[in-house]
Amino acid sequence: MSAIKIIGIGNPDRGDDALGPAVIAALAADPPVAAELSTASGDMLALLDRWSPNDRVFLVDAIAPGQAPGTVVRLDAGREVLVHALANFASSHMFNLAEAIELGRALGRLPAELIVYGAEGACFEPGSALSPATAAAVAEIADRLREDLRTCTKPH
């Protein structure tokens, strides 16, 4: 059976790395009926065990600075190899998100649809809060996810 899953990746105690959990919290305030909401803060390889081949999965994670803080990106990681695009996703783990996704692709362990949302971060210091620019991106990503869900749950 397929499911729609939204997974917010990040550490809520490391500044803008809290983006993923913050988006999940924003969605949980008015939960999308069709989606399972969860967070992940540990081993990125463990993500491969959190979905099945028929699932639609949306991942939300912070991006290390490369553009203006708060800049939101949406990547279709299921359709094409996005190693370069995902290389800037913030990670303090042995495997970053890009490496985990590409390993999943090599092993045939990606879901039917895999969309990655991110926002450029400004500060990843332990004990700091979300920067204002990244905090503003939380609502934008939540709105864009709701629109994605309306599109993928429409009756055919």
C-alpha atoms as a PDB file:
ATOM      1  CA  MET A   1       0.000   0.000   0.000  1.00  0.00           C
ATOM      2  CA  SER A   2       1.380   3.408  -0.901  1.00  0.00           C
ATOM      3  CA  ALA A   3       1.575   6.365   1.434  1.00  0.00           C
ATOM      4  CA  ILE A   4       2.442  10.030   1.257  1.00  0.00           C
ATOM      5  CA  LYS A   5       5.191  10.879   3.712  1.00  0.00           C
ATOM      6  CA  ILE A   6       6.708  14.222   4.666  1.00  0.00           C
ATOM      7  CA  ILE A   7       9.957  13.924   6.609  1.00  0.00           C
ATOM      8  CA  GLY A   8      11.579  16.979   8.154  1.00  0.00           C
ATOM      9  CA  ILE A   9      15.319  16.446   8.509  1.00  0.00           C
ATOM     10  CA  GLY A  10      17.447  18.341  10.968  1.00  0.00           C
ATOM     11  CA  ASN A  11      18.525  19.081  14.493  1.00  0.00           C
ATOM     12  CA  PRO A  12      16.249  21.558  16.307  1.00  0.00           C
ATOM     13  CA  ASP A  13      19.179  22.675  18.478  1.00  0.00           C
ATOM     14  CA  ARG A  14      21.480  23.799  15.624  1.00  0.00           C
ATOM     15  CA  GLY A  15      20.046  27.027  14.253  1.00  0.00           C
ATOM     16  CA  ASP A  16      18.867  26.752  10.662  1.00  0.00           C
ATOM     17  CA  ASP A  17      19.371  22.992  10.704  1.00  0.00           C
ATOM     18  CA  ALA A  18      15.979  23.031  12.492  1.00  0.00           C
ATOM     19  CA  LEU A  19      14.230  23.883   9.202  1.00  0.00           C
ATOM     20  CA  GLY A  20      12.877  20.374   8.578  1.00  0.00           C
ATOM     21  CA  PRO A  21      11.386  19.873  12.065  1.00  0.00           C
ATOM     22  CA  ALA A  22      10.003  23.451  11.969  1.00  0.00           C
ATOM     23  CA  VAL A  23       8.154  22.733   8.701  1.00  0.00           C
ATOM     24  CA  ILE A  24       6.734  19.526  10.205  1.00  0.00           C
ATOM     25  CA  ALA A  25       5.559  21.509  13.255  1.00  0.00           C
ATOM     26  CA  ALA A  26       3.910  24.091  10.968  1.00  0.00           C
ATOM     27  CA  LEU A  27       2.117  21.344   9.029  1.00  0.00           C
ATOM     28  CA  ALA A  28       1.105  19.562  12.257  1.00  0.00           C
ATOM     29  CA  ALA A  29      -0.798  22.682  13.363  1.00  0.00           C
ATOM     30  CA  ASP A  30      -3.284  21.908  10.548  1.00  0.00           C
ATOM     31  CA  PRO A  31      -2.285  18.416   9.389  1.00  0.00           C
ATOM     32  CA  PRO A  32      -2.716  17.447   5.752  1.00  0.00           C
ATOM     33  CA  VAL A  33      -5.161  14.545   5.836  1.00  0.00           C
ATOM     34  CA  ALA A  34      -3.349  12.413   3.286  1.00  0.00           C
ATOM     35  CA  ALA A  35       0.197  12.664   4.665  1.00  0.00           C
ATOM     36  CA  GLU A  36       2.255  11.065   7.410  1.00  0.00           C
ATOM     37  CA  LEU A  37       4.434  13.664   9.141  1.00  0.00           C
ATOM     38  CA  SER A  38       7.707  12.759  10.839  1.00  0.00           C
ATOM     39  CA  THR A  39      11.196  14.024  11.580  1.00  0.00           C
ATOM     40  CA  ALA A  40      14.676  12.577  11.226  1.00  0.00           C
ATOM     41  CA  SER A  41      17.818  13.883  12.855  1.00  0.00           C
ATOM     42  CA  GLY A  42      20.219  10.988  12.784  1.00  0.00           C
ATOM     43  CA  ASP A  43      21.636   8.652  10.216  1.00  0.00           C
ATOM     44  CA  MET A  44      20.612   9.692   6.694  1.00  0.00           C
ATOM     45  CA  LEU A  45      20.938   6.087   5.512  1.00  0.00           C
ATOM     46  CA  ALA A  46      18.079   5.180   7.872  1.00  0.00           C
ATOM     47  CA  LEU A  47      15.799   7.188   5.559  1.00  0.00           C
ATOM     48  CA  LEU A  48      15.922   4.278   3.106  1.00  0.00           C
ATOM     49  CA  ASP A  49      13.976   2.179   5.628  1.00  0.00           C
ATOM     50  CA  ARG A  50      11.255   4.808   6.086  1.00  0.00           C
ATOM     51  CA  TRP A  51       9.558   4.407   2.721  1.00  0.00           C
ATOM     52  CA  SER A  52       8.403   1.715   0.334  1.00  0.00           C
ATOM     53  CA  PRO A  53       8.687   1.615  -3.466  1.00  0.00           C
ATOM     54  CA  ASN A  54       5.109   2.870  -4.008  1.00  0.00           C
ATOM     55  CA  ASP A  55       5.292   5.830  -1.618  1.00  0.00           C
ATOM     56  CA  ARG A  56       5.368   9.523  -2.434  1.00  0.00           C
ATOM     57  CA  VAL A  57       7.986  11.097  -0.190  1.00  0.00           C
ATOM     58  CA  PHE A  58       8.767  14.740   0.493  1.00  0.00           C
ATOM     59  CA  LEU A  59      11.970  15.525   2.384  1.00  0.00           C
ATOM     60  CA  VAL A  60      12.664  18.932   3.952  1.00  0.00           C
ATOM     61  CA  ASP A  61      16.197  19.916   4.942  1.00  0.00           C
ATOM     62  CA  ALA A  62      18.388  22.982   5.318  1.00  0.00           C
ATOM     63  CA  ILE A  63      20.940  23.953   2.690  1.00  0.00           C
ATOM     64  CA  ALA A  64      24.367  25.240   3.605  1.00  0.00           C
ATOM     65  CA  PRO A  65      24.933  28.824   2.460  1.00  0.00           C
ATOM     66  CA  GLY A  66      25.347  29.199  -1.287  1.00  0.00           C
ATOM     67  CA  GLN A  67      22.592  31.668  -2.135  1.00  0.00           C
ATOM     68  CA  ALA A  68      20.745  34.264  -0.091  1.00  0.00           C
ATOM     69  CA  PRO A  69      19.549  32.913   3.293  1.00  0.00           C
ATOM     70  CA  GLY A  70      15.932  31.775   3.124  1.00  0.00           C
ATOM     71  CA  THR A  71      16.044  30.930  -0.608  1.00  0.00           C
ATOM     72  CA  VAL A  72      13.734  27.941  -1.146  1.00  0.00           C
ATOM     73  CA  VAL A  73      14.521  25.172  -3.620  1.00  0.00           C
ATOM     74  CA  ARG A  74      12.442  22.201  -4.796  1.00  0.00           C
ATOM     75  CA  LEU A  75      14.230  19.266  -6.381  1.00  0.00           C
ATOM     76  CA  ASP A  76      12.792  16.120  -7.936  1.00  0.00           C
ATOM     77  CA  ALA A  77      15.334  13.627  -6.636  1.00  0.00           C
ATOM     78  CA  GLY A  78      13.406  10.655  -7.958  1.00  0.00           C
ATOM     79  CA  ARG A  79      13.637  11.594 -11.629  1.00  0.00           C
ATOM     80  CA  GLU A  80      17.253  12.574 -11.970  1.00  0.00           C
ATOM     81  CA  VAL A  81      20.592  12.315 -10.259  1.00  0.00           C
ATOM     82  CA  LEU A  82      20.961  15.457  -8.209  1.00  0.00           C
ATOM     83  CA  VAL A  83      24.315  14.962  -6.508  1.00  0.00           C
ATOM     84  CA  HIS A  84      25.533  18.454  -7.369  1.00  0.00           C
ATOM     85  CA  ALA A  85      22.232  20.127  -6.465  1.00  0.00           C
ATOM     86  CA  LEU A  86      22.019  18.241  -3.174  1.00  0.00           C
ATOM     87  CA  ALA A  87      25.685  18.601  -2.280  1.00  0.00           C
ATOM     88  CA  ASN A  88      24.958  21.808  -0.356  1.00  0.00           C
ATOM     89  CA  PHE A  89      22.347  20.251   1.910  1.00  0.00           C
ATOM     90  CA  ALA A  90      23.564  20.751   5.466  1.00  0.00           C
ATOM     91  CA  SER A  91      24.700  17.614   7.236  1.00  0.00           C
ATOM     92  CA  SER A  92      26.686  16.770  10.307  1.00  0.00           C
ATOM     93  CA  HIS A  93      26.411  13.040   9.586  1.00  0.00           C
ATOM     94  CA  MET A  94      28.704  10.494   8.007  1.00  0.00           C
ATOM     95  CA  PHE A  95      26.443  10.350   4.930  1.00  0.00           C
ATOM     96  CA  ASN A  96      24.714  13.512   3.750  1.00  0.00           C
ATOM     97  CA  LEU A  97      21.283  13.569   2.152  1.00  0.00           C
ATOM     98  CA  ALA A  98      22.647  13.483  -1.411  1.00  0.00           C
ATOM     99  CA  GLU A  99      24.780  10.431  -0.684  1.00  0.00           C
ATOM    100  CA  ALA A 100      21.886   8.623   1.001  1.00  0.00           C
ATOM    101  CA  ILE A 101      19.566   9.314  -1.947  1.00  0.00           C
ATOM    102  CA  GLU A 102      22.136   8.200  -4.492  1.00  0.00           C
ATOM    103  CA  LEU A 103      22.850   5.023  -2.522  1.00  0.00           C
ATOM    104  CA  GLY A 104      19.097   4.383  -2.448  1.00  0.00           C
ATOM    105  CA  ARG A 105      18.969   4.878  -6.212  1.00  0.00           C
ATOM    106  CA  ALA A 106      21.868   2.434  -6.742  1.00  0.00           C
ATOM    107  CA  LEU A 107      20.162  -0.151  -4.521  1.00  0.00           C
ATOM    108  CA  GLY A 108      16.743   0.327  -6.156  1.00  0.00           C
ATOM    109  CA  ARG A 109      15.374   1.657  -2.849  1.00  0.00           C
ATOM    110  CA  LEU A 110      13.894   5.009  -3.832  1.00  0.00           C
ATOM    111  CA  PRO A 111      10.169   5.634  -3.508  1.00  0.00           C
ATOM    112  CA  ALA A 112       7.947   6.162  -6.552  1.00  0.00           C
ATOM    113  CA  GLU A 113       8.245   9.930  -6.081  1.00  0.00           C
ATOM    114  CA  LEU A 114      10.939  11.720  -4.081  1.00  0.00           C
ATOM    115  CA  ILE A 115      10.775  15.507  -3.785  1.00  0.00           C
ATOM    116  CA  VAL A 116      13.301  17.441  -1.707  1.00  0.00           C
ATOM    117  CA  TYR A 117      12.592  20.914  -0.361  1.00  0.00           C
ATOM    118  CA  GLY A 118      15.296  23.036   1.161  1.00  0.00           C
ATOM    119  CA  ALA A 119      16.016  26.569   2.236  1.00  0.00           C
ATOM    120  CA  GLU A 120      19.362  28.298   2.421  1.00  0.00           C
ATOM    121  CA  GLY A 121      20.513  28.626   5.999  1.00  0.00           C
ATOM    122  CA  ALA A 122      22.588  31.340   7.607  1.00  0.00           C
ATOM    123  CA  CYS A 123      23.565  29.899  10.995  1.00  0.00           C
ATOM    124  CA  PHE A 124      24.106  26.304  12.091  1.00  0.00           C
ATOM    125  CA  GLU A 125      25.670  26.985  15.503  1.00  0.00           C
ATOM    126  CA  PRO A 126      24.654  24.706  18.401  1.00  0.00           C
ATOM    127  CA  GLY A 127      22.103  26.351  20.661  1.00  0.00           C
ATOM    128  CA  SER A 128      21.040  29.013  18.162  1.00  0.00           C
ATOM    129  CA  ALA A 129      17.515  29.584  16.857  1.00  0.00           C
ATOM    130  CA  LEU A 130      16.359  29.678  13.248  1.00  0.00           C
ATOM    131  CA  SER A 131      17.631  32.799  11.507  1.00  0.00           C
ATOM    132  CA  PRO A 132      14.876  35.238  10.458  1.00  0.00           C
ATOM    133  CA  ALA A 133      15.336  34.446   6.747  1.00  0.00           C
ATOM    134  CA  THR A 134      15.130  30.681   7.265  1.00  0.00           C
ATOM    135  CA  ALA A 135      12.223  31.047   9.686  1.00  0.00           C
ATOM    136  CA  ALA A 136      10.350  32.940   6.949  1.00  0.00           C
ATOM    137  CA  ALA A 137      10.977  30.029   4.559  1.00  0.00           C
ATOM    138  CA  VAL A 138       9.133  27.623   6.904  1.00  0.00           C
ATOM    139  CA  ALA A 139       5.698  28.993   5.938  1.00  0.00           C
ATOM    140  CA  GLU A 140       6.604  29.095   2.235  1.00  0.00           C
ATOM    141  CA  ILE A 141       7.700  25.450   2.228  1.00  0.00           C
ATOM    142  CA  ALA A 142       4.637  24.372   4.213  1.00  0.00           C
ATOM    143  CA  ASP A 143       2.387  26.166   1.689  1.00  0.00           C
ATOM    144  CA  ARG A 144       4.211  24.622  -1.263  1.00  0.00           C
ATOM    145  CA  LEU A 145       3.931  21.158   0.300  1.00  0.00           C
ATOM    146  CA  ARG A 146       0.185  21.649   0.798  1.00  0.00           C
ATOM    147  CA  GLU A 147      -0.096  22.568  -2.890  1.00  0.00           C
ATOM    148  CA  ASP A 148       1.919  19.477  -3.864  1.00  0.00           C
ATOM    149  CA  LEU A 149      -0.420  17.357  -1.750  1.00  0.00           C
ATOM    150  CA  ARG A 150      -3.519  18.887  -3.375  1.00  0.00           C
ATOM    151  CA  THR A 151      -2.044  18.010  -6.773  1.00  0.00           C
ATOM    152  CA  CYS A 152      -1.031  14.436  -5.930  1.00  0.00           C
ATOM    153  CA  THR A 153      -4.255  13.539  -4.055  1.00  0.00           C
ATOM    154  CA  LYS A 154      -6.742  14.798  -6.655  1.00  0.00           C
ATOM    155  CA  PRO A 155      -9.101  12.061  -7.842  1.00  0.00           C
ATOM    156  CA  HIS A 156      -8.353  10.957 -11.396  1.00  0.00           C
END
